[in-house]
């Protein structure tokens, strides 16, 4: 991540935390007050993104994968009707094997030796 991205991210979080609407001008004002030089397009990009998405949703979904959406979006263009039918089928459930407990006898020692 570049310094410009980090500065705009922090400025957006500050604005959100204070309950102030996030706009490009307000992001730029905070970044300039911090003395950080950013490319002119970054505040506008962040403002446009945060008009469409909630900051709370972005924060709560930090650890989620989200990698499947682009693949699904391109599948119908490449595969036609067969890809849509394949996408509708539920994924098979994987059986998880529980680890077998080992006894102390198997290891050749016990707790009280």
PDB file of N, CA and C in Angstrom:
ATOM      1  N   UNK A   1       0.838  -1.162   0.000  1.00  0.00           N
ATOM      2  CA  UNK A   1       0.000   0.000   0.000  1.00  0.00           C
ATOM      3  C   UNK A   1       0.894   1.240   0.000  1.00  0.00           C
ATOM      4  N   UNK A   2       0.511   2.218  -0.780  1.00  0.00           N
ATOM      5  CA  UNK A   2       1.310   3.444  -0.843  1.00  0.00           C
ATOM      6  C   UNK A   2       0.935   4.373   0.314  1.00  0.00           C
ATOM      7  N   UNK A   3       1.769   5.376   0.528  1.00  0.00           N
ATOM      8  CA  UNK A   3       1.517   6.349   1.584  1.00  0.00           C
ATOM      9  C   UNK A   3       0.212   7.097   1.310  1.00  0.00           C
ATOM     10  N   UNK A   4      -0.066   7.369   0.048  1.00  0.00           N
ATOM     11  CA  UNK A   4      -1.302   8.068  -0.312  1.00  0.00           C
ATOM     12  C   UNK A   4      -2.532   7.254   0.076  1.00  0.00           C
ATOM     13  N   UNK A   5      -2.485   5.951  -0.187  1.00  0.00           N
ATOM     14  CA  UNK A   5      -3.616   5.087   0.159  1.00  0.00           C
ATOM     15  C   UNK A   5      -3.826   5.024   1.664  1.00  0.00           C
ATOM     16  N   UNK A   6      -2.733   4.891   2.395  1.00  0.00           N
ATOM     17  CA  UNK A   6      -2.825   4.806   3.848  1.00  0.00           C
ATOM     18  C   UNK A   6      -3.360   6.117   4.424  1.00  0.00           C
ATOM     19  N   UNK A   7      -2.874   7.245   3.914  1.00  0.00           N
ATOM     20  CA  UNK A   7      -3.334   8.537   4.408  1.00  0.00           C
ATOM     21  C   UNK A   7      -4.828   8.729   4.140  1.00  0.00           C
ATOM     22  N   UNK A   8      -5.286   8.357   2.960  1.00  0.00           N
ATOM     23  CA  UNK A   8      -6.719   8.482   2.644  1.00  0.00           C
ATOM     24  C   UNK A   8      -7.563   7.509   3.454  1.00  0.00           C
ATOM     25  N   UNK A   9      -7.028   6.338   3.727  1.00  0.00           N
ATOM     26  CA  UNK A   9      -7.735   5.366   4.559  1.00  0.00           C
ATOM     27  C   UNK A   9      -7.931   5.909   5.965  1.00  0.00           C
ATOM     28  N   UNK A  10      -6.841   6.418   6.561  1.00  0.00           N
ATOM     29  CA  UNK A  10      -6.943   6.967   7.910  1.00  0.00           C
ATOM     30  C   UNK A  10      -7.863   8.181   7.947  1.00  0.00           C
ATOM     31  N   UNK A  11      -7.779   9.045   6.946  1.00  0.00           N
ATOM     32  CA  UNK A  11      -8.655  10.216   6.896  1.00  0.00           C
ATOM     33  C   UNK A  11     -10.116   9.784   6.806  1.00  0.00           C
ATOM     34  N   UNK A  12     -10.407   8.761   6.008  1.00  0.00           N
ATOM     35  CA  UNK A  12     -11.773   8.259   5.875  1.00  0.00           C
ATOM     36  C   UNK A  12     -12.266   7.667   7.195  1.00  0.00           C
ATOM     37  N   UNK A  13     -11.396   6.946   7.883  1.00  0.00           N
ATOM     38  CA  UNK A  13     -11.782   6.366   9.171  1.00  0.00           C
ATOM     39  C   UNK A  13     -12.033   7.452  10.213  1.00  0.00           C
ATOM     40  N   UNK A  14     -11.228   8.516  10.190  1.00  0.00           N
ATOM     41  CA  UNK A  14     -11.428   9.624  11.126  1.00  0.00           C
ATOM     42  C   UNK A  14     -12.780  10.290  10.859  1.00  0.00           C
ATOM     43  N   UNK A  15     -13.066  10.562   9.598  1.00  0.00           N
ATOM     44  CA  UNK A  15     -14.341  11.182   9.248  1.00  0.00           C
ATOM     45  C   UNK A  15     -15.515  10.296   9.673  1.00  0.00           C
ATOM     46  N   UNK A  16     -15.399   8.999   9.401  1.00  0.00           N
ATOM     47  CA  UNK A  16     -16.474   8.066   9.768  1.00  0.00           C
ATOM     48  C   UNK A  16     -16.656   8.028  11.284  1.00  0.00           C
ATOM     49  N   UNK A  17     -15.555   7.994  12.026  1.00  0.00           N
ATOM     50  CA  UNK A  17     -15.612   7.910  13.472  1.00  0.00           C
ATOM     51  C   UNK A  17     -16.282   9.145  14.069  1.00  0.00           C
ATOM     52  N   UNK A  18     -16.067  10.308  13.450  1.00  0.00           N
ATOM     53  CA  UNK A  18     -16.679  11.540  13.936  1.00  0.00           C
ATOM     54  C   UNK A  18     -18.093  11.751  13.405  1.00  0.00           C
ATOM     55  N   UNK A  19     -18.567  10.857  12.541  1.00  0.00           N
ATOM     56  CA  UNK A  19     -19.913  10.970  11.994  1.00  0.00           C
ATOM     57  C   UNK A  19     -20.044  12.033  10.920  1.00  0.00           C
ATOM     58  N   UNK A  20     -18.938  12.390  10.291  1.00  0.00           N
ATOM     59  CA  UNK A  20     -18.923  13.407   9.240  1.00  0.00           C
ATOM     60  C   UNK A  20     -19.041  12.703   7.891  1.00  0.00           C
ATOM     61  N   UNK A  21     -19.875  13.203   6.986  1.00  0.00           N
ATOM     62  CA  UNK A  21     -19.964  12.595   5.652  1.00  0.00           C
ATOM     63  C   UNK A  21     -18.597  12.605   4.956  1.00  0.00           C
ATOM     64  N   UNK A  22     -18.275  11.495   4.323  1.00  0.00           N
ATOM     65  CA  UNK A  22     -16.961  11.343   3.696  1.00  0.00           C
ATOM     66  C   UNK A  22     -17.027  11.865   2.262  1.00  0.00           C
ATOM     67  N   UNK A  23     -16.293  12.946   2.030  1.00  0.00           N
ATOM     68  CA  UNK A  23     -16.198  13.531   0.694  1.00  0.00           C
ATOM     69  C   UNK A  23     -14.732  13.686   0.340  1.00  0.00           C
ATOM     70  N   UNK A  24     -14.469  13.863  -0.954  1.00  0.00           N
ATOM     71  CA  UNK A  24     -13.084  14.022  -1.410  1.00  0.00           C
ATOM     72  C   UNK A  24     -12.451  15.267  -0.786  1.00  0.00           C
ATOM     73  N   UNK A  25     -13.229  16.350  -0.664  1.00  0.00           N
ATOM     74  CA  UNK A  25     -12.696  17.592  -0.113  1.00  0.00           C
ATOM     75  C   UNK A  25     -12.305  17.424   1.357  1.00  0.00           C
ATOM     76  N   UNK A  26     -13.122  16.700   2.114  1.00  0.00           N
ATOM     77  CA  UNK A  26     -12.833  16.503   3.533  1.00  0.00           C
ATOM     78  C   UNK A  26     -11.648  15.564   3.729  1.00  0.00           C
ATOM     79  N   UNK A  27     -11.550  14.542   2.889  1.00  0.00           N
ATOM     80  CA  UNK A  27     -10.389  13.644   2.960  1.00  0.00           C
ATOM     81  C   UNK A  27      -9.118  14.440   2.644  1.00  0.00           C
ATOM     82  N   UNK A  28      -9.167  15.240   1.600  1.00  0.00           N
ATOM     83  CA  UNK A  28      -8.008  16.043   1.199  1.00  0.00           C
ATOM     84  C   UNK A  28      -7.639  17.044   2.288  1.00  0.00           C
ATOM     85  N   UNK A  29      -8.638  17.641   2.940  1.00  0.00           N
ATOM     86  CA  UNK A  29      -8.354  18.599   4.006  1.00  0.00           C
ATOM     87  C   UNK A  29      -7.623  17.923   5.171  1.00  0.00           C
ATOM     88  N   UNK A  30      -8.061  16.728   5.559  1.00  0.00           N
ATOM     89  CA  UNK A  30      -7.395  16.004   6.643  1.00  0.00           C
ATOM     90  C   UNK A  30      -5.973  15.588   6.256  1.00  0.00           C
ATOM     91  N   UNK A  31      -5.819  15.116   5.040  1.00  0.00           N
ATOM     92  CA  UNK A  31      -4.502  14.676   4.581  1.00  0.00           C
ATOM     93  C   UNK A  31      -3.540  15.863   4.528  1.00  0.00           C
ATOM     94  N   UNK A  32      -4.022  16.997   4.030  1.00  0.00           N
ATOM     95  CA  UNK A  32      -3.177  18.192   3.975  1.00  0.00           C
ATOM     96  C   UNK A  32      -2.832  18.697   5.369  1.00  0.00           C
ATOM     97  N   UNK A  33      -3.783  18.608   6.305  1.00  0.00           N
ATOM     98  CA  UNK A  33      -3.528  19.019   7.684  1.00  0.00           C
ATOM     99  C   UNK A  33      -2.459  18.139   8.328  1.00  0.00           C
ATOM    100  N   UNK A  34      -2.386  16.894   7.887  1.00  0.00           N
ATOM    101  CA  UNK A  34      -1.377  15.976   8.419  1.00  0.00           C
ATOM    102  C   UNK A  34      -0.022  16.190   7.748  1.00  0.00           C
ATOM    103  N   UNK A  35      -0.009  16.973   6.677  1.00  0.00           N
ATOM    104  CA  UNK A  35       1.256  17.245   5.997  1.00  0.00           C
ATOM    105  C   UNK A  35       1.698  16.138   5.056  1.00  0.00           C
ATOM    106  N   UNK A  36       0.743  15.359   4.559  1.00  0.00           N
ATOM    107  CA  UNK A  36       1.060  14.254   3.653  1.00  0.00           C
ATOM    108  C   UNK A  36       0.709  14.671   2.230  1.00  0.00           C
ATOM    109  N   UNK A  37       1.607  14.439   1.305  1.00  0.00           N
ATOM    110  CA  UNK A  37       1.345  14.718  -0.110  1.00  0.00           C
ATOM    111  C   UNK A  37       0.736  13.474  -0.738  1.00  0.00           C
ATOM    112  N   UNK A  38      -0.431  13.641  -1.348  1.00  0.00           N
ATOM    113  CA  UNK A  38      -1.095  12.522  -2.027  1.00  0.00           C
ATOM    114  C   UNK A  38      -1.393  12.914  -3.463  1.00  0.00           C
ATOM    115  N   UNK A  39      -1.481  11.907  -4.318  1.00  0.00           N
ATOM    116  CA  UNK A  39      -1.882  12.156  -5.698  1.00  0.00           C
ATOM    117  C   UNK A  39      -3.335  12.633  -5.686  1.00  0.00           C
ATOM    118  N   UNK A  40      -3.693  13.475  -6.617  1.00  0.00           N
ATOM    119  CA  UNK A  40      -4.994  14.150  -6.614  1.00  0.00           C
ATOM    120  C   UNK A  40      -6.169  13.189  -6.769  1.00  0.00           C
ATOM    121  N   UNK A  41      -5.953  12.022  -7.349  1.00  0.00           N
ATOM    122  CA  UNK A  41      -7.076  11.115  -7.599  1.00  0.00           C
ATOM    123  C   UNK A  41      -7.456  10.262  -6.397  1.00  0.00           C
ATOM    124  N   UNK A  42      -6.594  10.086  -5.416  1.00  0.00           N
ATOM    125  CA  UNK A  42      -6.891   9.193  -4.293  1.00  0.00           C
ATOM    126  C   UNK A  42      -8.089   9.632  -3.462  1.00  0.00           C
ATOM    127  N   UNK A  43      -8.177  10.900  -3.032  1.00  0.00           N
ATOM    128  CA  UNK A  43      -9.352  11.270  -2.220  1.00  0.00           C
ATOM    129  C   UNK A  43     -10.674  11.048  -2.953  1.00  0.00           C
ATOM    130  N   UNK A  44     -10.710  11.326  -4.251  1.00  0.00           N
ATOM    131  CA  UNK A  44     -11.928  11.107  -5.027  1.00  0.00           C
ATOM    132  C   UNK A  44     -12.302   9.637  -5.116  1.00  0.00           C
ATOM    133  N   UNK A  45     -11.305   8.776  -5.296  1.00  0.00           N
ATOM    134  CA  UNK A  45     -11.579   7.332  -5.358  1.00  0.00           C
ATOM    135  C   UNK A  45     -12.142   6.817  -4.043  1.00  0.00           C
ATOM    136  N   UNK A  46     -11.536   7.251  -2.941  1.00  0.00           N
ATOM    137  CA  UNK A  46     -12.027   6.808  -1.637  1.00  0.00           C
ATOM    138  C   UNK A  46     -13.436   7.324  -1.388  1.00  0.00           C
ATOM    139  N   UNK A  47     -13.702   8.577  -1.736  1.00  0.00           N
ATOM    140  CA  UNK A  47     -15.030   9.145  -1.524  1.00  0.00           C
ATOM    141  C   UNK A  47     -16.084   8.407  -2.343  1.00  0.00           C
ATOM    142  N   UNK A  48     -15.766   8.076  -3.594  1.00  0.00           N
ATOM    143  CA  UNK A  48     -16.722   7.346  -4.433  1.00  0.00           C
ATOM    144  C   UNK A  48     -16.982   5.949  -3.877  1.00  0.00           C
ATOM    145  N   UNK A  49     -15.939   5.275  -3.437  1.00  0.00           N
ATOM    146  CA  UNK A  49     -16.104   3.940  -2.865  1.00  0.00           C
ATOM    147  C   UNK A  49     -16.988   3.986  -1.630  1.00  0.00           C
ATOM    148  N   UNK A  50     -16.715   4.953  -0.766  1.00  0.00           N
ATOM    149  CA  UNK A  50     -17.429   4.987   0.505  1.00  0.00           C
ATOM    150  C   UNK A  50     -18.831   5.575   0.388  1.00  0.00           C
ATOM    151  N   UNK A  51     -19.184   6.102  -0.769  1.00  0.00           N
ATOM    152  CA  UNK A  51     -20.575   6.481  -1.011  1.00  0.00           C
ATOM    153  C   UNK A  51     -21.398   5.236  -1.329  1.00  0.00           C
ATOM    154  N   UNK A  52     -20.757   4.239  -1.928  1.00  0.00           N
ATOM    155  CA  UNK A  52     -21.446   3.021  -2.339  1.00  0.00           C
ATOM    156  C   UNK A  52     -21.420   1.935  -1.263  1.00  0.00           C
ATOM    157  N   UNK A  53     -20.380   1.935  -0.431  1.00  0.00           N
ATOM    158  CA  UNK A  53     -20.218   0.895   0.578  1.00  0.00           C
ATOM    159  C   UNK A  53     -20.127   1.529   1.958  1.00  0.00           C
ATOM    160  N   UNK A  54     -20.647   0.843   2.932  1.00  0.00           N
ATOM    161  CA  UNK A  54     -20.591   1.313   4.304  1.00  0.00           C
ATOM    162  C   UNK A  54     -19.216   1.013   4.897  1.00  0.00           C
ATOM    163  N   UNK A  55     -18.677   1.972   5.637  1.00  0.00           N
ATOM    164  CA  UNK A  55     -17.390   1.766   6.300  1.00  0.00           C
ATOM    165  C   UNK A  55     -17.519   0.641   7.324  1.00  0.00           C
ATOM    166  N   UNK A  56     -18.644   0.584   8.001  1.00  0.00           N
ATOM    167  CA  UNK A  56     -18.857  -0.485   8.981  1.00  0.00           C
ATOM    168  C   UNK A  56     -18.809  -1.861   8.320  1.00  0.00           C
ATOM    169  N   UNK A  57     -19.421  -1.994   7.152  1.00  0.00           N
ATOM    170  CA  UNK A  57     -19.384  -3.265   6.431  1.00  0.00           C
ATOM    171  C   UNK A  57     -17.963  -3.625   6.019  1.00  0.00           C
ATOM    172  N   UNK A  58     -17.209  -2.634   5.576  1.00  0.00           N
ATOM    173  CA  UNK A  58     -15.827  -2.898   5.173  1.00  0.00           C
ATOM    174  C   UNK A  58     -14.985  -3.335   6.368  1.00  0.00           C
ATOM    175  N   UNK A  59     -15.208  -2.714   7.497  1.00  0.00           N
ATOM    176  CA  UNK A  59     -14.440  -3.070   8.691  1.00  0.00           C
ATOM    177  C   UNK A  59     -14.814  -4.465   9.179  1.00  0.00           C
ATOM    178  N   UNK A  60     -16.096  -4.780   9.159  1.00  0.00           N
ATOM    179  CA  UNK A  60     -16.542  -6.079   9.665  1.00  0.00           C
ATOM    180  C   UNK A  60     -16.156  -7.229   8.741  1.00  0.00           C
ATOM    181  N   UNK A  61     -15.893  -6.964   7.471  1.00  0.00           N
ATOM    182  CA  UNK A  61     -15.573  -8.016   6.514  1.00  0.00           C
ATOM    183  C   UNK A  61     -14.107  -8.037   6.124  1.00  0.00           C
ATOM    184  N   UNK A  62     -13.238  -7.565   7.001  1.00  0.00           N
ATOM    185  CA  UNK A  62     -11.820  -7.524   6.688  1.00  0.00           C
ATOM    186  C   UNK A  62     -11.267  -8.918   6.462  1.00  0.00           C
ATOM    187  N   UNK A  63     -11.621  -9.870   7.280  1.00  0.00           N
ATOM    188  CA  UNK A  63     -11.066 -11.206   7.173  1.00  0.00           C
ATOM    189  C   UNK A  63     -11.785 -12.126   6.216  1.00  0.00           C
ATOM    190  N   UNK A  64     -12.885 -11.712   5.669  1.00  0.00           N
ATOM    191  CA  UNK A  64     -13.622 -12.600   4.770  1.00  0.00           C
ATOM    192  C   UNK A  64     -12.914 -12.690   3.432  1.00  0.00           C
ATOM    193  N   UNK A  65     -13.046 -13.846   2.801  1.00  0.00           N
ATOM    194  CA  UNK A  65     -12.339 -14.090   1.542  1.00  0.00           C
ATOM    195  C   UNK A  65     -12.801 -13.208   0.415  1.00  0.00           C
ATOM    196  N   UNK A  66     -13.998 -13.406  -0.036  1.00  0.00           N
ATOM    197  CA  UNK A  66     -14.535 -12.594  -1.110  1.00  0.00           C
ATOM    198  C   UNK A  66     -13.898 -12.846  -2.459  1.00  0.00           C
ATOM    199  N   UNK A  67     -13.077 -13.863  -2.589  1.00  0.00           N
ATOM    200  CA  UNK A  67     -12.390 -14.114  -3.842  1.00  0.00           C
ATOM    201  C   UNK A  67     -13.244 -14.806  -4.888  1.00  0.00           C
ATOM    202  N   UNK A  68     -14.393 -15.331  -4.532  1.00  0.00           N
ATOM    203  CA  UNK A  68     -15.220 -16.085  -5.464  1.00  0.00           C
ATOM    204  C   UNK A  68     -16.019 -15.237  -6.429  1.00  0.00           C
ATOM    205  N   UNK A  69     -16.283 -14.003  -6.121  1.00  0.00           N
ATOM    206  CA  UNK A  69     -17.155 -13.181  -6.954  1.00  0.00           C
ATOM    207  C   UNK A  69     -16.604 -12.938  -8.356  1.00  0.00           C
ATOM    208  N   UNK A  70     -15.348 -12.565  -8.536  1.00  0.00           N
ATOM    209  CA  UNK A  70     -14.882 -12.344  -9.901  1.00  0.00           C
ATOM    210  C   UNK A  70     -14.921 -13.608 -10.765  1.00  0.00           C
ATOM    211  N   UNK A  71     -14.690 -14.750 -10.184  1.00  0.00           N
ATOM    212  CA  UNK A  71     -14.727 -15.980 -10.954  1.00  0.00           C
ATOM    213  C   UNK A  71     -16.138 -16.260 -11.431  1.00  0.00           C
ATOM    214  N   UNK A  72     -17.117 -16.056 -10.567  1.00  0.00           N
ATOM    215  CA  UNK A  72     -18.502 -16.313 -10.929  1.00  0.00           C
ATOM    216  C   UNK A  72     -18.979 -15.311 -11.980  1.00  0.00           C
ATOM    217  N   UNK A  73     -18.480 -14.099 -11.904  1.00  0.00           N
ATOM    218  CA  UNK A  73     -18.903 -13.079 -12.863  1.00  0.00           C
ATOM    219  C   UNK A  73     -18.398 -13.393 -14.262  1.00  0.00           C
ATOM    220  N   UNK A  74     -17.235 -14.004 -14.364  1.00  0.00           N
ATOM    221  CA  UNK A  74     -16.688 -14.303 -15.680  1.00  0.00           C
ATOM    222  C   UNK A  74     -17.134 -15.673 -16.199  1.00  0.00           C
ATOM    223  N   UNK A  75     -17.651 -16.536 -15.334  1.00  0.00           N
ATOM    224  CA  UNK A  75     -18.026 -17.881 -15.758  1.00  0.00           C
ATOM    225  C   UNK A  75     -19.146 -17.908 -16.795  1.00  0.00           C
ATOM    226  N   UNK A  76     -20.228 -17.130 -16.647  1.00  0.00           N
ATOM    227  CA  UNK A  76     -21.277 -17.196 -17.658  1.00  0.00           C
ATOM    228  C   UNK A  76     -20.804 -16.737 -19.037  1.00  0.00           C
ATOM    229  N   UNK A  77     -19.896 -15.806 -19.092  1.00  0.00           N
ATOM    230  CA  UNK A  77     -19.406 -15.344 -20.386  1.00  0.00           C
ATOM    231  C   UNK A  77     -18.598 -16.439 -21.079  1.00  0.00           C
ATOM    232  N   UNK A  78     -17.862 -17.219 -20.298  1.00  0.00           N
ATOM    233  CA  UNK A  78     -17.014 -18.243 -20.887  1.00  0.00           C
ATOM    234  C   UNK A  78     -17.762 -19.549 -21.113  1.00  0.00           C
ATOM    235  N   UNK A  79     -18.679 -19.915 -20.206  1.00  0.00           N
ATOM    236  CA  UNK A  79     -19.273 -21.240 -20.272  1.00  0.00           C
ATOM    237  C   UNK A  79     -20.702 -21.291 -20.750  1.00  0.00           C
ATOM    238  N   UNK A  80     -21.379 -20.202 -20.799  1.00  0.00           N
ATOM    239  CA  UNK A  80     -22.767 -20.208 -21.255  1.00  0.00           C
ATOM    240  C   UNK A  80     -23.695 -20.831 -20.242  1.00  0.00           C
ATOM    241  N   UNK A  81     -24.673 -21.608 -20.697  1.00  0.00           N
ATOM    242  CA  UNK A  81     -25.695 -22.196 -19.837  1.00  0.00           C
ATOM    243  C   UNK A  81     -25.152 -23.281 -18.927  1.00  0.00           C
ATOM    244  N   UNK A  82     -24.132 -23.989 -19.348  1.00  0.00           N
ATOM    245  CA  UNK A  82     -23.583 -25.055 -18.523  1.00  0.00           C
ATOM    246  C   UNK A  82     -22.968 -24.490 -17.252  1.00  0.00           C
ATOM    247  N   UNK A  83     -22.355 -23.334 -17.342  1.00  0.00           N
ATOM    248  CA  UNK A  83     -21.744 -22.730 -16.159  1.00  0.00           C
ATOM    249  C   UNK A  83     -22.808 -22.291 -15.165  1.00  0.00           C
ATOM    250  N   UNK A  84     -23.943 -21.811 -15.648  1.00  0.00           N
ATOM    251  CA  UNK A  84     -25.023 -21.404 -14.757  1.00  0.00           C
ATOM    252  C   UNK A  84     -25.594 -22.613 -14.025  1.00  0.00           C
ATOM    253  N   UNK A  85     -25.730 -23.742 -14.708  1.00  0.00           N
ATOM    254  CA  UNK A  85     -26.224 -24.953 -14.066  1.00  0.00           C
ATOM    255  C   UNK A  85     -25.232 -25.471 -13.035  1.00  0.00           C
ATOM    256  N   UNK A  86     -23.953 -25.377 -13.346  1.00  0.00           N
ATOM    257  CA  UNK A  86     -22.924 -25.830 -12.410  1.00  0.00           C
ATOM    258  C   UNK A  86     -22.873 -24.925 -11.194  1.00  0.00           C
ATOM    259  N   UNK A  87     -23.119 -23.644 -11.381  1.00  0.00           N
ATOM    260  CA  UNK A  87     -23.087 -22.719 -10.264  1.00  0.00           C
ATOM    261  C   UNK A  87     -24.273 -22.946  -9.330  1.00  0.00           C
ATOM    262  N   UNK A  88     -25.384 -23.437  -9.840  1.00  0.00           N
ATOM    263  CA  UNK A  88     -26.574 -23.652  -9.027  1.00  0.00           C
ATOM    264  C   UNK A  88     -26.438 -24.885  -8.140  1.00  0.00           C
ATOM    265  N   UNK A  89     -25.605 -25.841  -8.504  1.00  0.00           N
ATOM    266  CA  UNK A  89     -25.431 -27.055  -7.715  1.00  0.00           C
ATOM    267  C   UNK A  89     -24.689 -26.726  -6.427  1.00  0.00           C
ATOM    268  N   UNK A  90     -25.154 -27.232  -5.277  1.00  0.00           N
ATOM    269  CA  UNK A  90     -24.470 -26.959  -4.021  1.00  0.00           C
ATOM    270  C   UNK A  90     -23.114 -27.677  -3.979  1.00  0.00           C
ATOM    271  N   UNK A  91     -22.132 -27.071  -3.331  1.00  0.00           N
ATOM    272  CA  UNK A  91     -20.830 -27.719  -3.244  1.00  0.00           C
ATOM    273  C   UNK A  91     -20.909 -28.958  -2.358  1.00  0.00           C
ATOM    274  N   UNK A  92     -20.165 -30.003  -2.682  1.00  0.00           N
ATOM    275  CA  UNK A  92     -20.193 -31.220  -1.860  1.00  0.00           C
ATOM    276  C   UNK A  92     -19.587 -30.949  -0.484  1.00  0.00           C
ATOM    277  N   UNK A  93     -20.171 -31.582   0.515  1.00  0.00           N
ATOM    278  CA  UNK A  93     -19.660 -31.397   1.867  1.00  0.00           C
ATOM    279  C   UNK A  93     -18.424 -32.267   2.065  1.00  0.00           C
ATOM    280  N   UNK A  94     -17.433 -31.653   2.671  1.00  0.00           N
ATOM    281  CA  UNK A  94     -16.213 -32.403   2.959  1.00  0.00           C
ATOM    282  C   UNK A  94     -16.337 -33.019   4.347  1.00  0.00           C
ATOM    283  N   UNK A  95     -15.951 -34.276   4.438  1.00  0.00           N
ATOM    284  CA  UNK A  95     -15.986 -34.950   5.728  1.00  0.00           C
ATOM    285  C   UNK A  95     -14.669 -34.688   6.443  1.00  0.00           C
ATOM    286  N   UNK A  96     -14.794 -34.186   7.646  1.00  0.00           N
ATOM    287  CA  UNK A  96     -13.597 -33.916   8.440  1.00  0.00           C
ATOM    288  C   UNK A  96     -13.350 -35.100   9.352  1.00  0.00           C
ATOM    289  N   UNK A  97     -12.158 -35.633   9.272  1.00  0.00           N
ATOM    290  CA  UNK A  97     -11.801 -36.737  10.151  1.00  0.00           C
ATOM    291  C   UNK A  97     -11.310 -36.165  11.466  1.00  0.00           C
ATOM    292  N   UNK A  98     -11.854 -36.679  12.537  1.00  0.00           N
ATOM    293  CA  UNK A  98     -11.400 -36.229  13.838  1.00  0.00           C
ATOM    294  C   UNK A  98     -10.061 -36.891  14.138  1.00  0.00           C
ATOM    295  N   UNK A  99      -9.132 -36.124  14.675  1.00  0.00           N
ATOM    296  CA  UNK A  99      -7.828 -36.718  14.973  1.00  0.00           C
ATOM    297  C   UNK A  99      -7.966 -37.805  16.036  1.00  0.00           C
ATOM    298  N   UNK A 100      -7.247 -38.885  15.809  1.00  0.00           N
ATOM    299  CA  UNK A 100      -7.295 -40.017  16.718  1.00  0.00           C
ATOM    300  C   UNK A 100      -6.450 -39.690  17.946  1.00  0.00           C
ATOM    301  N   UNK A 101      -7.031 -39.898  19.117  1.00  0.00           N
ATOM    302  CA  UNK A 101      -6.282 -39.624  20.337  1.00  0.00           C
ATOM    303  C   UNK A 101      -5.237 -40.703  20.546  1.00  0.00           C
ATOM    304  N   UNK A 102      -4.065 -40.245  20.890  1.00  0.00           N
ATOM    305  CA  UNK A 102      -2.979 -41.194  21.145  1.00  0.00           C
ATOM    306  C   UNK A 102      -2.868 -41.402  22.649  1.00  0.00           C
ATOM    307  N   UNK A 103      -2.672 -42.619  23.025  1.00  0.00           N
ATOM    308  CA  UNK A 103      -2.499 -42.891  24.454  1.00  0.00           C
ATOM    309  C   UNK A 103      -1.018 -42.800  24.798  1.00  0.00           C
ATOM    310  N   UNK A 104      -0.755 -42.658  26.090  1.00  0.00           N
ATOM    311  CA  UNK A 104       0.633 -42.583  26.539  1.00  0.00           C
ATOM    312  C   UNK A 104       1.371 -43.892  26.292  1.00  0.00           C
ATOM    313  N   UNK A 105       0.637 -45.005  26.270  1.00  0.00           N
ATOM    314  CA  UNK A 105       1.269 -46.304  26.042  1.00  0.00           C
ATOM    315  C   UNK A 105       1.882 -46.353  24.643  1.00  0.00           C
ATOM    316  N   UNK A 106       1.246 -45.721  23.700  1.00  0.00           N
ATOM    317  CA  UNK A 106       1.759 -45.748  22.326  1.00  0.00           C
ATOM    318  C   UNK A 106       3.074 -44.980  22.205  1.00  0.00           C
ATOM    319  N   UNK A 107       3.300 -43.992  23.066  1.00  0.00           N
ATOM    320  CA  UNK A 107       4.510 -43.184  22.973  1.00  0.00           C
ATOM    321  C   UNK A 107       5.652 -43.716  23.807  1.00  0.00           C
ATOM    322  N   UNK A 108       5.386 -44.636  24.650  1.00  0.00           N
ATOM    323  CA  UNK A 108       6.445 -45.237  25.436  1.00  0.00           C
ATOM    324  C   UNK A 108       6.708 -44.539  26.755  1.00  0.00           C
ATOM    325  N   UNK A 109       5.878 -43.595  27.132  1.00  0.00           N
ATOM    326  CA  UNK A 109       6.038 -42.961  28.440  1.00  0.00           C
ATOM    327  C   UNK A 109       4.672 -42.563  28.946  1.00  0.00           C
ATOM    328  N   UNK A 110       4.617 -42.261  30.220  1.00  0.00           N
ATOM    329  CA  UNK A 110       3.364 -41.803  30.818  1.00  0.00           C
ATOM    330  C   UNK A 110       3.657 -40.566  31.651  1.00  0.00           C
ATOM    331  N   UNK A 111       2.646 -39.968  32.158  1.00  0.00           N
ATOM    332  CA  UNK A 111       2.778 -38.735  32.913  1.00  0.00           C
ATOM    333  C   UNK A 111       3.527 -38.954  34.210  1.00  0.00           C
ATOM    334  N   UNK A 112       3.414 -40.162  34.807  1.00  0.00           N
ATOM    335  CA  UNK A 112       3.982 -40.390  36.130  1.00  0.00           C
ATOM    336  C   UNK A 112       5.242 -41.240  36.094  1.00  0.00           C
ATOM    337  N   UNK A 113       5.941 -41.319  34.991  1.00  0.00           N
ATOM    338  CA  UNK A 113       7.190 -42.105  34.937  1.00  0.00           C
ATOM    339  C   UNK A 113       8.339 -41.333  35.523  1.00  0.00           C
TER     340      UNK A 113
END
